[in-house]
């Protein structure tokens, strides 16, 4: 089977790495890809927003499966365009992608279906929200209603912080009550009718050690999530994920793809923080490192409505990924700084997924905020963590930094 992966980050590199291991994988393309993905796939210059160009490429290269990595093409309807042209596409329709594309949509769905989530209110502008915040107990959680690359969330502990957050979010916002408890991410495959739990992960959003500093797209991840016990996972499936999938189907917008439920494990049980409609980044890196199954078979079954008989296997133990980011991230990252030592890092047994790299001649350089995701497995989190940091310490990149406590807190 010829496969096209849409995207060029660490998530897509991990997907390509796993897809390439399948005996069903013939030719593998990535658009646009990155220097790390070029080891597994042929990188092509395709704009995912140009649906006609993507369809033309699929026809010319006899693509049997398109895997859409990032959220923006899903919200923009790329999966709809592909399926409309008879091309198998892994990812939800634009209508179903509203679960991530609009936090207000998801909160309304939760309210209508009794799905546990924080109390909330939605406002069309920050100005309209100010009076509401004045009447709430602090802290409150302020979220941009649309896509924000994992960074459109502010936990405001003071009125001044709330005002600053609302000033920075001129469009629609959702304001939520603050929940407490450990966080976990639960990933499931949905074929429109059937739901197949995959695995869990815990990510680390704050930029600094000890969960300090601003939120980022993710500075590392651990799988499985330590706090999500089998009983809590079953409860989250029963009370959150399955009612969501049923509600989407009943509305005529069945969900087909991977659904990522961000959960807060509160004293009264799991509550939904938010949904993503694609594999997380850097969560995808730890999931792919642990998956002991043919990824192509799972994705095709999801597309073809055949998940009922699938039972993926997972390696025992744990996986840890440590993100190496460019100086200045999550503000203005410093681009163009040279990176070396990748071969030495992987000689430790770690896998170095490229998230934001490019080539300047023969030199690998930083080309984004989150640049590398150094990933390792082990018999437990401690062993996986030690192996991941052994890889990190071999990377030669003075222009980068990482958290040193992934897997500890």
Protein backbone atom coordinates (compact mmCIF):
# COMPACT_ATOMS: atom_id res chain seq x y z
CA UNK A 1 0.00 0.00 0.00
CA UNK A 2 1.23 3.49 -0.85
CA UNK A 3 0.69 5.91 2.04
CA UNK A 4 0.78 9.70 2.39
CA UNK A 5 1.29 11.29 5.81
CA UNK A 6 0.24 14.93 6.09
CA UNK A 7 2.42 17.00 8.41
CA UNK A 8 6.00 17.73 9.31
CA UNK A 9 6.34 17.50 13.10
CA UNK A 10 7.35 15.00 15.74
CA UNK A 11 3.93 13.33 15.69
CA UNK A 12 4.19 12.71 11.96
CA UNK A 13 7.78 11.46 12.26
CA UNK A 14 6.64 8.93 14.87
CA UNK A 15 3.77 7.83 12.62
CA UNK A 16 6.11 7.40 9.64
CA UNK A 17 8.57 5.46 11.79
CA UNK A 18 5.83 3.05 12.84
CA UNK A 19 4.16 2.81 9.42
CA UNK A 20 7.47 1.90 7.81
CA UNK A 21 7.70 -1.17 10.06
CA UNK A 22 4.57 -2.69 8.53
CA UNK A 23 4.95 -5.30 5.78
CA UNK A 24 1.94 -3.66 4.13
CA UNK A 25 3.86 -0.42 3.58
CA UNK A 26 5.09 -0.07 0.01
CA UNK A 27 5.88 3.56 -0.77
CA UNK A 28 5.64 6.13 2.03
CA UNK A 29 5.37 9.87 1.42
CA UNK A 30 5.31 12.79 3.87
CA UNK A 31 4.05 16.27 3.08
CA UNK A 32 5.99 18.36 3.82
CA UNK A 33 7.97 16.07 6.11
CA UNK A 34 11.28 17.03 7.70
CA UNK A 35 14.91 15.81 7.63
CA UNK A 36 14.22 13.11 10.21
CA UNK A 37 11.17 11.82 8.37
CA UNK A 38 13.25 11.61 5.20
CA UNK A 39 14.83 8.46 6.67
CA UNK A 40 11.46 6.70 6.45
CA UNK A 41 9.54 8.56 3.75
CA UNK A 42 9.89 10.55 0.57
CA UNK A 43 9.23 14.17 1.49
CA UNK A 44 7.09 16.13 -0.96
CA UNK A 45 6.14 19.79 -1.14
CA UNK A 46 2.35 19.71 -0.81
CA UNK A 47 0.19 22.36 0.78
CA UNK A 48 -2.54 20.54 2.76
CA UNK A 49 -4.76 23.59 2.35
CA UNK A 50 -4.70 22.99 -1.45
CA UNK A 51 -7.09 20.07 -1.55
CA UNK A 52 -6.95 19.81 -5.33
CA UNK A 53 -3.17 19.41 -5.24
CA UNK A 54 -3.39 16.72 -2.56
CA UNK A 55 -6.02 14.83 -4.55
CA UNK A 56 -3.93 15.08 -7.71
CA UNK A 57 -0.89 13.70 -5.88
CA UNK A 58 -2.93 10.80 -4.48
CA UNK A 59 -4.15 9.92 -7.96
CA UNK A 60 -0.68 10.16 -9.52
CA UNK A 61 0.97 8.01 -6.84
CA UNK A 62 -1.88 5.50 -6.31
CA UNK A 63 -2.16 6.41 -2.63
CA UNK A 64 -4.18 3.84 -0.69
CA UNK A 65 -4.21 5.66 2.67
CA UNK A 66 -3.76 9.28 3.72
CA UNK A 67 -2.92 9.84 7.40
CA UNK A 68 -3.69 13.42 8.43
CA UNK A 69 -1.49 14.36 11.37
CA UNK A 70 -2.24 17.98 12.38
CA UNK A 71 -5.57 19.42 13.46
CA UNK A 72 -5.83 22.36 11.05
CA UNK A 73 -6.27 20.27 7.87
CA UNK A 74 -8.93 18.22 9.65
CA UNK A 75 -10.88 21.30 10.72
CA UNK A 76 -10.49 22.59 7.15
CA UNK A 77 -12.13 19.47 5.71
CA UNK A 78 -9.23 17.66 4.03
CA UNK A 79 -10.59 14.27 5.11
CA UNK A 80 -13.95 15.15 3.53
CA UNK A 81 -12.28 16.07 0.24
CA UNK A 82 -10.27 12.86 0.17
CA UNK A 83 -13.19 10.59 1.00
CA UNK A 84 -15.32 12.44 -1.54
CA UNK A 85 -12.75 11.50 -4.19
CA UNK A 86 -12.67 7.86 -3.10
CA UNK A 87 -9.36 8.08 -1.22
CA UNK A 88 -9.15 6.33 2.15
CA UNK A 89 -8.40 9.00 4.77
CA UNK A 90 -7.57 8.57 8.45
CA UNK A 91 -9.08 11.51 10.30
CA UNK A 92 -12.51 12.95 11.10
CA UNK A 93 -14.72 15.07 8.89
CA UNK A 94 -14.74 18.83 9.38
CA UNK A 95 -18.07 18.51 11.21
CA UNK A 96 -16.67 15.91 13.63
CA UNK A 97 -13.40 17.84 14.01
CA UNK A 98 -15.39 20.56 15.78
CA UNK A 99 -14.69 18.54 18.93
CA UNK A 100 -11.27 20.18 18.81
CA UNK A 101 -11.95 23.13 16.53
CA UNK A 102 -14.45 24.70 18.91
CA UNK A 103 -14.25 24.32 22.68
CA UNK A 104 -17.69 25.88 22.89
CA UNK A 105 -19.08 23.12 20.66
CA UNK A 106 -17.59 20.42 22.87
CA UNK A 107 -18.74 22.02 26.11
CA UNK A 108 -22.28 22.33 24.74
CA UNK A 109 -22.21 18.67 23.69
CA UNK A 110 -21.09 17.71 27.20
CA UNK A 111 -23.86 19.76 28.78
CA UNK A 112 -26.50 18.22 26.51
CA UNK A 113 -25.36 14.65 27.17
CA UNK A 114 -24.44 14.71 30.86
CA UNK A 115 -20.73 14.23 30.20
CA UNK A 116 -18.61 15.23 33.23
CA UNK A 117 -16.67 18.45 32.60
CA UNK A 118 -15.94 21.72 34.37
CA UNK A 119 -18.69 24.32 34.69
CA UNK A 120 -18.28 26.87 31.90
CA UNK A 121 -19.56 29.85 29.99
CA UNK A 122 -18.78 30.92 26.41
CA UNK A 123 -18.45 34.53 25.24
CA UNK A 124 -17.98 36.01 21.79
CA UNK A 125 -15.32 38.43 23.03
CA UNK A 126 -13.07 39.04 25.99
CA UNK A 127 -14.91 42.25 26.77
CA UNK A 128 -18.17 40.37 27.21
CA UNK A 129 -16.45 37.93 29.54
CA UNK A 130 -15.08 40.43 32.06
CA UNK A 131 -18.23 40.76 34.09
CA UNK A 132 -18.58 36.99 34.34
CA UNK A 133 -15.03 36.60 35.64
CA UNK A 134 -15.71 39.20 38.34
CA UNK A 135 -18.41 36.95 39.80
CA UNK A 136 -16.33 33.73 39.76
CA UNK A 137 -14.08 32.19 42.37
CA UNK A 138 -10.42 32.24 41.39
CA UNK A 139 -8.54 30.69 39.77
CA UNK A 140 -10.47 30.36 36.52
CA UNK A 141 -9.37 28.74 33.26
CA UNK A 142 -9.60 30.94 30.17
CA UNK A 143 -9.41 29.26 26.77
CA UNK A 144 -9.48 30.55 23.22
CA UNK A 145 -12.47 28.89 21.61
CA UNK A 146 -10.66 27.88 18.41
CA UNK A 147 -7.41 26.15 17.58
CA UNK A 148 -4.41 27.49 19.48
CA UNK A 149 -1.65 24.88 18.97
CA UNK A 150 -1.94 23.76 22.59
CA UNK A 151 -1.11 27.22 23.94
CA UNK A 152 -4.45 29.06 24.09
CA UNK A 153 -5.07 28.30 27.77
CA UNK A 154 -4.44 30.55 30.77
CA UNK A 155 -5.04 29.63 34.41
CA UNK A 156 -5.78 33.03 35.93
CA UNK A 157 -5.19 33.22 39.68
CA UNK A 158 -5.88 36.97 39.92
CA UNK A 159 -8.21 39.49 38.29
CA UNK A 160 -5.19 41.11 36.65
CA UNK A 161 -4.12 37.80 35.09
CA UNK A 162 -7.67 37.22 33.86
CA UNK A 163 -7.81 40.69 32.31
CA UNK A 164 -4.46 40.15 30.58
CA UNK A 165 -5.61 36.80 29.21
CA UNK A 166 -8.84 38.27 27.88
CA UNK A 167 -6.92 41.13 26.28
CA UNK A 168 -4.77 38.56 24.48
CA UNK A 169 -7.80 36.60 23.22
CA UNK A 170 -9.90 39.03 21.19
CA UNK A 171 -12.11 36.30 19.70
CA UNK A 172 -14.55 33.89 21.33
CA UNK A 173 -13.46 32.46 24.68
CA UNK A 174 -14.59 29.74 27.06
CA UNK A 175 -14.19 30.31 30.79
CA UNK A 176 -14.17 27.26 33.01
CA UNK A 177 -14.09 26.46 36.68
CA UNK A 178 -10.68 25.30 37.85
CA UNK A 179 -10.42 21.54 38.39
CA UNK A 180 -7.84 19.82 40.58
CA UNK A 181 -6.24 16.41 40.33
CA UNK A 182 -3.75 14.54 38.16
CA UNK A 183 -4.13 14.89 34.40
CA UNK A 184 -4.09 12.07 31.88
CA UNK A 185 -4.65 11.68 28.16
CA UNK A 186 -6.67 8.74 26.84
CA UNK A 187 -6.47 7.80 23.15
CA UNK A 188 -9.13 5.78 21.36
CA UNK A 189 -9.81 4.84 17.75
CA UNK A 190 -13.34 5.36 16.42
CA UNK A 191 -14.71 4.05 13.11
CA UNK A 192 -18.00 5.91 13.39
CA UNK A 193 -19.71 3.13 15.32
CA UNK A 194 -17.10 1.19 17.29
CA UNK A 195 -14.65 2.55 19.86
CA UNK A 196 -11.29 0.89 20.53
CA UNK A 197 -9.23 2.11 23.50
CA UNK A 198 -5.56 2.44 22.65
CA UNK A 199 -3.35 3.65 25.49
CA UNK A 200 -2.88 6.54 27.87
CA UNK A 201 -0.20 9.17 28.32
CA UNK A 202 0.67 12.06 30.59
CA UNK A 203 2.16 15.14 29.02
CA UNK A 204 4.00 18.10 30.52
CA UNK A 205 2.69 21.45 29.28
CA UNK A 206 4.64 23.97 31.32
CA UNK A 207 7.95 25.08 29.88
CA UNK A 208 10.01 24.82 33.09
CA UNK A 209 11.02 22.19 35.60
CA UNK A 210 8.51 21.65 38.38
CA UNK A 211 5.65 22.64 36.07
CA UNK A 212 6.60 26.32 36.07
CA UNK A 213 6.35 28.99 33.39
CA UNK A 214 3.89 29.38 30.51
CA UNK A 215 2.04 26.58 28.78
CA UNK A 216 3.58 25.08 25.66
CA UNK A 217 2.57 22.54 23.05
CA UNK A 218 4.20 19.93 25.31
CA UNK A 219 7.70 19.49 26.74
CA UNK A 220 7.57 15.72 27.22
CA UNK A 221 5.31 12.75 27.85
CA UNK A 222 5.07 9.42 29.64
CA UNK A 223 3.01 6.38 28.65
CA UNK A 224 1.06 4.84 30.27
CA UNK A 225 -0.27 7.68 32.42
CA UNK A 226 0.64 6.71 36.00
CA UNK A 227 -2.58 8.02 37.53
CA UNK A 228 -5.04 6.49 35.05
CA UNK A 229 -5.79 3.11 36.62
CA UNK A 230 -7.75 0.46 34.69
CA UNK A 231 -10.85 1.28 36.74
CA UNK A 232 -10.56 5.02 36.04
CA UNK A 233 -9.98 4.35 32.35
CA UNK A 234 -13.09 2.17 32.21
CA UNK A 235 -15.06 4.93 33.95
CA UNK A 236 -13.77 7.54 31.49
CA UNK A 237 -14.75 5.34 28.57
CA UNK A 238 -18.21 4.72 30.00
CA UNK A 239 -19.03 8.27 31.13
CA UNK A 240 -17.08 10.46 28.69
CA UNK A 241 -15.80 8.86 25.49
CA UNK A 242 -18.64 6.48 24.61
CA UNK A 243 -21.42 9.06 25.17
CA UNK A 244 -19.47 11.53 23.02
CA UNK A 245 -19.11 9.09 20.14
CA UNK A 246 -22.79 8.14 20.43
CA UNK A 247 -23.86 11.80 20.42
CA UNK A 248 -21.78 12.54 17.32
CA UNK A 249 -23.28 9.59 15.49
CA UNK A 250 -26.81 10.57 16.53
CA UNK A 251 -26.19 14.09 15.18
CA UNK A 252 -25.29 12.66 11.77
CA UNK A 253 -21.62 13.54 12.16
CA UNK A 254 -20.02 10.21 13.14
CA UNK A 255 -16.46 10.45 14.41
CA UNK A 256 -13.88 8.49 12.43
CA UNK A 257 -10.25 8.69 13.46
CA UNK A 258 -8.36 9.00 16.72
CA UNK A 259 -10.03 10.79 19.62
CA UNK A 260 -7.77 12.14 22.35
CA UNK A 261 -9.55 12.84 25.62
CA UNK A 262 -7.69 15.15 27.97
CA UNK A 263 -8.86 14.16 31.45
CA UNK A 264 -8.66 15.61 34.94
CA UNK A 265 -8.83 12.84 37.53
CA UNK A 266 -10.75 14.72 40.21
CA UNK A 267 -11.76 13.37 43.64
CA UNK A 268 -15.25 12.72 42.19
CA UNK A 269 -13.99 10.91 39.10
CA UNK A 270 -12.63 11.71 35.61
CA UNK A 271 -13.79 14.94 34.00
CA UNK A 272 -13.16 16.05 30.43
CA UNK A 273 -10.76 18.95 30.01
CA UNK A 274 -10.86 18.96 26.22
CA UNK A 275 -10.81 16.77 23.13
CA UNK A 276 -8.24 16.65 20.38
CA UNK A 277 -9.11 14.91 17.12
CA UNK A 278 -5.62 13.65 16.26
CA UNK A 279 -2.68 12.00 17.95
CA UNK A 280 -1.09 14.38 20.41
CA UNK A 281 2.43 15.70 20.10
CA UNK A 282 4.55 14.60 21.99
CA UNK A 283 2.14 11.89 23.14
CA UNK A 284 2.22 10.19 19.75
CA UNK A 285 5.94 9.56 20.16
CA UNK A 286 5.48 7.49 23.33
CA UNK A 287 2.41 5.70 21.96
CA UNK A 288 4.21 4.60 18.80
CA UNK A 289 7.24 3.49 20.83
CA UNK A 290 4.98 1.19 22.89
CA UNK A 291 2.68 -0.10 20.13
CA UNK A 292 3.38 -3.75 19.31
CA UNK A 293 0.97 -4.05 16.39
CA UNK A 294 0.70 -3.22 12.71
CA UNK A 295 -0.29 0.45 12.60
CA UNK A 296 -1.52 0.22 9.03
CA UNK A 297 -4.00 -2.51 9.96
CA UNK A 298 -5.37 -0.35 12.78
CA UNK A 299 -5.71 2.77 10.65
CA UNK A 300 -7.31 0.93 7.72
CA UNK A 301 -9.79 -0.76 10.07
CA UNK A 302 -10.68 2.66 11.46
CA UNK A 303 -11.32 4.01 7.98
CA UNK A 304 -13.28 0.93 6.86
CA UNK A 305 -15.57 0.56 9.88
CA UNK A 306 -13.87 -2.66 10.96
CA UNK A 307 -12.57 -1.91 14.45
CA UNK A 308 -14.85 -4.36 16.25
CA UNK A 309 -12.42 -7.28 15.85
CA UNK A 310 -9.15 -5.38 16.42
CA UNK A 311 -7.10 -6.01 19.58
CA UNK A 312 -3.80 -4.13 19.43
CA UNK A 313 -0.93 -5.31 21.59
CA UNK A 314 1.27 -3.02 23.65
CA UNK A 315 4.78 -3.54 24.90
CA UNK A 316 5.04 -3.88 28.65
CA UNK A 317 6.79 -1.29 30.73
CA UNK A 318 6.75 2.38 29.80
CA UNK A 319 7.94 4.98 27.31
CA UNK A 320 9.23 8.50 27.96
CA UNK A 321 9.86 11.31 25.50
CA UNK A 322 11.80 14.48 26.28
CA UNK A 323 11.25 17.48 24.03
CA UNK A 324 14.27 19.62 23.17
CA UNK A 325 13.15 23.15 22.31
CA UNK A 326 14.86 26.18 20.84
CA UNK A 327 15.93 29.04 23.09
CA UNK A 328 13.09 31.54 23.39
CA UNK A 329 10.29 28.97 23.16
CA UNK A 330 7.34 29.29 23.75
CA UNK A 331 7.82 32.95 22.87
CA UNK A 332 10.03 33.65 19.84
CA UNK A 333 12.26 30.62 19.31
CA UNK A 334 15.76 31.11 17.96
CA UNK A 335 15.94 29.46 14.55
CA UNK A 336 18.88 28.32 12.49
CA UNK A 337 21.10 27.07 15.33
CA UNK A 338 23.11 23.96 14.35
CA UNK A 339 22.34 20.55 15.84
CA UNK A 340 24.71 17.58 16.04
CA UNK A 341 25.07 14.30 17.87
CA UNK A 342 21.88 12.64 16.58
CA UNK A 343 23.72 9.43 15.63
CA UNK A 344 25.36 9.28 19.06
CA UNK A 345 22.02 9.91 20.76
CA UNK A 346 20.38 7.04 18.92
CA UNK A 347 23.35 4.79 19.67
CA UNK A 348 22.18 4.87 23.30
CA UNK A 349 18.98 3.08 22.24
CA UNK A 350 16.82 6.21 22.19
CA UNK A 351 14.81 7.27 19.13
CA UNK A 352 15.21 10.90 18.07
CA UNK A 353 12.03 12.14 16.40
CA UNK A 354 12.37 15.40 14.52
CA UNK A 355 9.71 17.97 15.36
CA UNK A 356 11.10 21.23 13.94
CA UNK A 357 14.29 20.77 11.92
CA UNK A 358 15.57 21.69 8.48
CA UNK A 359 18.81 21.54 6.53
CA UNK A 360 21.21 24.39 5.88
CA UNK A 361 23.42 22.70 3.35
CA UNK A 362 24.62 19.56 5.12
CA UNK A 363 23.95 20.98 8.58
CA UNK A 364 20.87 20.09 10.60
CA UNK A 365 19.40 23.25 12.13
CA UNK A 366 16.50 24.27 14.34
CA UNK A 367 13.47 25.41 12.38
CA UNK A 368 10.78 25.73 15.05
CA UNK A 369 10.02 25.94 18.74
CA UNK A 370 9.88 22.27 19.68
CA UNK A 371 12.69 20.75 17.65
CA UNK A 372 13.45 17.19 18.80
CA UNK A 373 11.62 14.53 20.83
CA UNK A 374 14.08 12.05 22.32
CA UNK A 375 12.15 8.89 23.14
CA UNK A 376 12.98 5.63 24.91
CA UNK A 377 11.28 2.61 26.41
CA UNK A 378 12.04 0.62 29.55
CA UNK A 379 10.68 -1.87 32.03
CA UNK A 380 9.28 1.04 34.01
CA UNK A 381 9.13 4.83 33.84
CA UNK A 382 12.43 5.18 35.68
CA UNK A 383 14.34 3.04 33.19
CA UNK A 384 12.67 4.67 30.19
CA UNK A 385 13.42 8.10 31.62
CA UNK A 386 17.10 7.27 32.19
CA UNK A 387 17.43 6.02 28.62
CA UNK A 388 15.71 9.08 27.17
CA UNK A 389 17.97 11.49 29.06
CA UNK A 390 21.03 9.44 28.06
CA UNK A 391 20.01 10.21 24.50
CA UNK A 392 19.35 13.87 25.26
CA UNK A 393 22.82 14.24 26.74
CA UNK A 394 24.42 13.07 23.49
CA UNK A 395 22.69 15.74 21.39
CA UNK A 396 25.05 18.61 20.61
CA UNK A 397 22.87 21.69 20.52
CA UNK A 398 23.90 24.74 22.56
CA UNK A 399 20.90 26.62 21.16
CA UNK A 400 18.41 24.24 22.73
CA UNK A 401 17.03 23.34 26.15
CA UNK A 402 14.76 20.77 27.77
CA UNK A 403 13.06 20.06 31.05
CA UNK A 404 15.05 17.72 33.27
CA UNK A 405 12.11 16.33 35.23
CA UNK A 406 10.01 14.51 32.63
CA UNK A 407 8.82 11.31 34.25
CA UNK A 408 9.52 12.56 37.76
CA UNK A 409 6.47 14.77 38.46
